């Protein structure tokens, strides 16, 4: 069974066009999404293929439409759970868990994908919300920031003082919902890297 799962995952990672045409699953259905003792289902393989395709599309310079459709209706605000940082980080966590569970001896494609995710998370589109005037979350801060034209970083400076905050540095202090995920994905990059030098090359930004 392990050999079969490993071969399917290798095909999925190396030949996505082939696997998309041969996997048997029902689009829009929950069938095949439950855990199985027999390894990944075709539905689960298709989901991973889709997640990886989204990452590569963003990496090519075009943010996928599903990444850009969040609860606030546009890309710059980045207030809701579907925000870029979450979509990217959760993809990284899922791919890492899949690899450790199903193909622990075949980690090179996962390192490549995690590296892509980490690079995307350092893109300004992902973290610019932190210093964006008039844009705050959660909901009880939104109106205050809009009325006073201040950012989340400005709020943190008001609360903790300028010594604790460097506006609009998104990782220096306070922005745990970005910096925490960035650190976690970075740790996964180092975990899956073939050498320390390979990890260093990705994590230097």
Protein backbone atom coordinates (compact mmCIF):
# COMPACT_ATOMS: atom_id res chain seq x y z
CA UNK A 1 0.00 0.00 0.00
CA UNK A 2 2.79 2.43 0.91
CA UNK A 3 4.50 1.85 -2.43
CA UNK A 4 1.24 2.57 -4.25
CA UNK A 5 0.70 5.80 -2.29
CA UNK A 6 4.28 6.87 -2.90
CA UNK A 7 3.96 6.27 -6.63
CA UNK A 8 0.66 8.15 -6.85
CA UNK A 9 2.10 11.09 -4.92
CA UNK A 10 5.18 11.20 -7.12
CA UNK A 11 2.98 11.24 -10.21
CA UNK A 12 0.83 13.94 -8.63
CA UNK A 13 3.79 16.17 -7.89
CA UNK A 14 5.71 15.57 -11.11
CA UNK A 15 2.92 15.11 -13.66
CA UNK A 16 -0.12 17.14 -12.53
CA UNK A 17 -1.69 17.27 -15.99
CA UNK A 18 -1.60 13.49 -16.26
CA UNK A 19 -3.12 12.88 -12.81
CA UNK A 20 -5.89 15.42 -13.25
CA UNK A 21 -7.10 13.53 -16.31
CA UNK A 22 -6.97 10.09 -14.67
CA UNK A 23 -8.09 10.66 -11.06
CA UNK A 24 -11.65 9.50 -10.40
CA UNK A 25 -13.61 11.92 -8.22
CA UNK A 26 -16.80 13.97 -8.17
CA UNK A 27 -16.22 17.76 -8.27
CA UNK A 28 -18.09 19.68 -5.58
CA UNK A 29 -18.76 16.56 -3.53
CA UNK A 30 -17.49 15.51 -0.10
CA UNK A 31 -17.17 11.92 -1.30
CA UNK A 32 -13.62 10.74 -0.80
CA UNK A 33 -12.61 13.43 1.70
CA UNK A 34 -12.69 11.24 4.82
CA UNK A 35 -9.58 9.62 6.24
CA UNK A 36 -8.93 6.16 4.83
CA UNK A 37 -6.66 3.34 6.05
CA UNK A 38 -5.82 2.70 2.40
CA UNK A 39 -4.01 6.03 1.98
CA UNK A 40 -5.06 9.09 0.02
CA UNK A 41 -8.19 8.89 -2.10
CA UNK A 42 -8.40 10.25 -5.63
CA UNK A 43 -10.45 13.13 -4.25
CA UNK A 44 -7.74 14.02 -1.73
CA UNK A 45 -5.04 13.76 -4.39
CA UNK A 46 -7.07 16.09 -6.59
CA UNK A 47 -7.39 18.60 -3.73
CA UNK A 48 -3.63 18.59 -3.18
CA UNK A 49 -3.05 18.99 -6.91
CA UNK A 50 -5.39 21.99 -6.90
CA UNK A 51 -3.66 23.58 -3.88
CA UNK A 52 -0.27 23.18 -5.52
CA UNK A 53 -1.56 24.61 -8.79
CA UNK A 54 -2.80 27.71 -6.94
CA UNK A 55 0.64 28.23 -5.39
CA UNK A 56 2.41 27.91 -8.73
CA UNK A 57 -0.08 30.29 -10.35
CA UNK A 58 0.61 32.90 -7.68
CA UNK A 59 4.33 32.25 -8.00
CA UNK A 60 4.02 33.03 -11.70
CA UNK A 61 2.79 36.52 -10.86
CA UNK A 62 -0.97 36.01 -11.05
CA UNK A 63 -2.80 35.66 -7.73
CA UNK A 64 -5.56 33.03 -8.17
CA UNK A 65 -9.06 34.46 -8.03
CA UNK A 66 -9.95 32.28 -5.05
CA UNK A 67 -7.05 33.80 -3.08
CA UNK A 68 -8.35 37.28 -3.88
CA UNK A 69 -11.97 36.64 -2.92
CA UNK A 70 -12.14 37.14 0.81
CA UNK A 71 -14.85 38.17 3.22
CA UNK A 72 -14.30 41.86 2.56
CA UNK A 73 -14.61 41.43 -1.19
CA UNK A 74 -11.22 42.72 -2.29
CA UNK A 75 -7.52 41.93 -2.04
CA UNK A 76 -5.97 44.91 -0.19
CA UNK A 77 -7.97 44.77 3.06
CA UNK A 78 -7.00 41.19 4.03
CA UNK A 79 -9.23 41.09 7.11
CA UNK A 80 -10.90 37.70 6.90
CA UNK A 81 -9.84 34.09 7.32
CA UNK A 82 -9.50 33.61 3.53
CA UNK A 83 -6.75 36.27 3.48
CA UNK A 84 -3.58 35.48 1.54
CA UNK A 85 -1.47 34.68 4.59
CA UNK A 86 -3.92 32.03 5.73
CA UNK A 87 -4.51 30.48 2.31
CA UNK A 88 -0.77 30.12 1.80
CA UNK A 89 0.13 28.96 5.31
CA UNK A 90 -2.65 26.38 5.54
CA UNK A 91 -1.59 24.97 2.17
CA UNK A 92 1.93 24.58 3.53
CA UNK A 93 0.70 22.79 6.64
CA UNK A 94 -1.47 20.40 4.65
CA UNK A 95 1.28 19.50 2.18
CA UNK A 96 3.83 18.99 4.95
CA UNK A 97 1.46 16.74 6.90
CA UNK A 98 0.64 14.73 3.78
CA UNK A 99 4.31 14.16 3.07
CA UNK A 100 5.18 13.09 6.61
CA UNK A 101 2.24 10.71 6.69
CA UNK A 102 2.38 9.21 3.21
CA UNK A 103 5.74 9.84 1.51
CA UNK A 104 8.33 10.56 4.24
CA UNK A 105 11.17 9.28 2.05
CA UNK A 106 10.24 11.54 -0.86
CA UNK A 107 10.43 15.11 0.40
CA UNK A 108 12.11 17.06 -2.41
CA UNK A 109 8.86 18.20 -4.12
CA UNK A 110 7.47 19.27 -0.76
CA UNK A 111 10.57 21.35 -0.02
CA UNK A 112 10.15 23.06 -3.38
CA UNK A 113 6.49 23.84 -2.73
CA UNK A 114 7.13 25.06 0.83
CA UNK A 115 9.89 27.29 -0.53
CA UNK A 116 7.43 28.77 -3.01
CA UNK A 117 4.89 29.37 -0.26
CA UNK A 118 7.46 31.06 1.97
CA UNK A 119 8.57 33.37 -0.84
CA UNK A 120 4.96 34.27 -1.59
CA UNK A 121 4.35 35.07 2.07
CA UNK A 122 7.08 37.71 1.91
CA UNK A 123 5.31 39.37 -1.03
CA UNK A 124 4.03 42.84 -0.17
CA UNK A 125 0.49 41.91 -1.20
CA UNK A 126 0.42 39.48 1.72
CA UNK A 127 1.65 41.74 4.54
CA UNK A 128 0.83 45.29 3.43
CA UNK A 129 -2.48 45.27 5.36
CA UNK A 130 -0.48 45.76 8.58
CA UNK A 131 0.44 49.33 7.69
CA UNK A 132 -2.58 50.21 5.57
CA UNK A 133 -4.38 53.30 6.86
CA UNK A 134 -8.06 52.88 7.60
CA UNK A 135 -7.90 49.10 7.59
CA UNK A 136 -8.19 47.14 10.85
CA UNK A 137 -9.54 43.89 12.16
CA UNK A 138 -11.26 42.36 14.07
CA UNK A 139 -14.63 43.93 13.45
CA UNK A 140 -14.79 46.04 16.61
CA UNK A 141 -11.70 47.99 15.49
CA UNK A 142 -12.71 48.45 11.86
CA UNK A 143 -14.86 51.56 12.28
CA UNK A 144 -12.34 53.24 14.61
CA UNK A 145 -9.50 52.78 12.12
CA UNK A 146 -11.65 53.97 9.22
CA UNK A 147 -12.81 57.07 11.12
CA UNK A 148 -9.28 57.99 12.28
CA UNK A 149 -7.40 56.78 9.19
CA UNK A 150 -4.98 54.62 11.16
CA UNK A 151 -3.57 51.14 10.60
CA UNK A 152 -3.18 48.03 12.74
CA UNK A 153 0.47 48.96 13.17
CA UNK A 154 -0.54 52.45 14.33
CA UNK A 155 -2.85 50.88 16.91
CA UNK A 156 -0.06 48.69 18.24
CA UNK A 157 2.19 51.72 18.52
CA UNK A 158 -0.53 53.50 20.51
CA UNK A 159 -0.94 50.51 22.82
CA UNK A 160 2.68 49.48 23.32
CA UNK A 161 4.77 52.51 22.40
CA UNK A 162 7.15 53.29 19.55
CA UNK A 163 9.95 51.26 21.12
CA UNK A 164 7.89 48.08 20.69
CA UNK A 165 6.69 48.77 17.15
CA UNK A 166 8.30 49.71 13.86
CA UNK A 167 5.49 50.78 11.54
CA UNK A 168 4.93 49.31 9.11
CA UNK A 169 7.35 46.39 9.69
CA UNK A 170 5.00 43.36 9.63
CA UNK A 171 7.24 41.03 11.67
CA UNK A 172 8.97 43.19 14.28
CA UNK A 173 6.20 43.29 16.89
CA UNK A 174 2.51 42.63 17.38
CA UNK A 175 1.46 41.13 14.06
CA UNK A 176 1.33 37.54 15.29
CA UNK A 177 -1.29 36.47 12.75
CA UNK A 178 1.27 37.06 10.02
CA UNK A 179 4.64 36.64 11.72
CA UNK A 180 3.57 33.44 13.47
CA UNK A 181 2.55 31.77 10.21
CA UNK A 182 5.65 33.07 8.46
CA UNK A 183 7.83 31.54 11.17
CA UNK A 184 5.93 28.25 11.05
CA UNK A 185 6.26 27.93 7.27
CA UNK A 186 9.92 28.91 7.57
CA UNK A 187 10.45 26.15 10.12
CA UNK A 188 8.87 23.66 7.70
CA UNK A 189 11.19 24.86 4.93
CA UNK A 190 14.17 24.15 7.18
CA UNK A 191 12.72 20.81 8.25
CA UNK A 192 12.30 19.58 4.67
CA UNK A 193 15.44 21.20 3.23
CA UNK A 194 18.06 18.76 1.88
CA UNK A 195 20.83 20.87 3.45
CA UNK A 196 21.07 23.82 5.85
CA UNK A 197 22.45 25.93 2.99
CA UNK A 198 19.37 25.19 0.85
CA UNK A 199 17.13 26.40 3.67
CA UNK A 200 19.25 29.50 4.25
CA UNK A 201 18.90 30.48 0.60
CA UNK A 202 15.11 30.45 0.86
CA UNK A 203 14.82 32.00 4.32
CA UNK A 204 17.04 35.02 3.61
CA UNK A 205 14.79 37.94 2.65
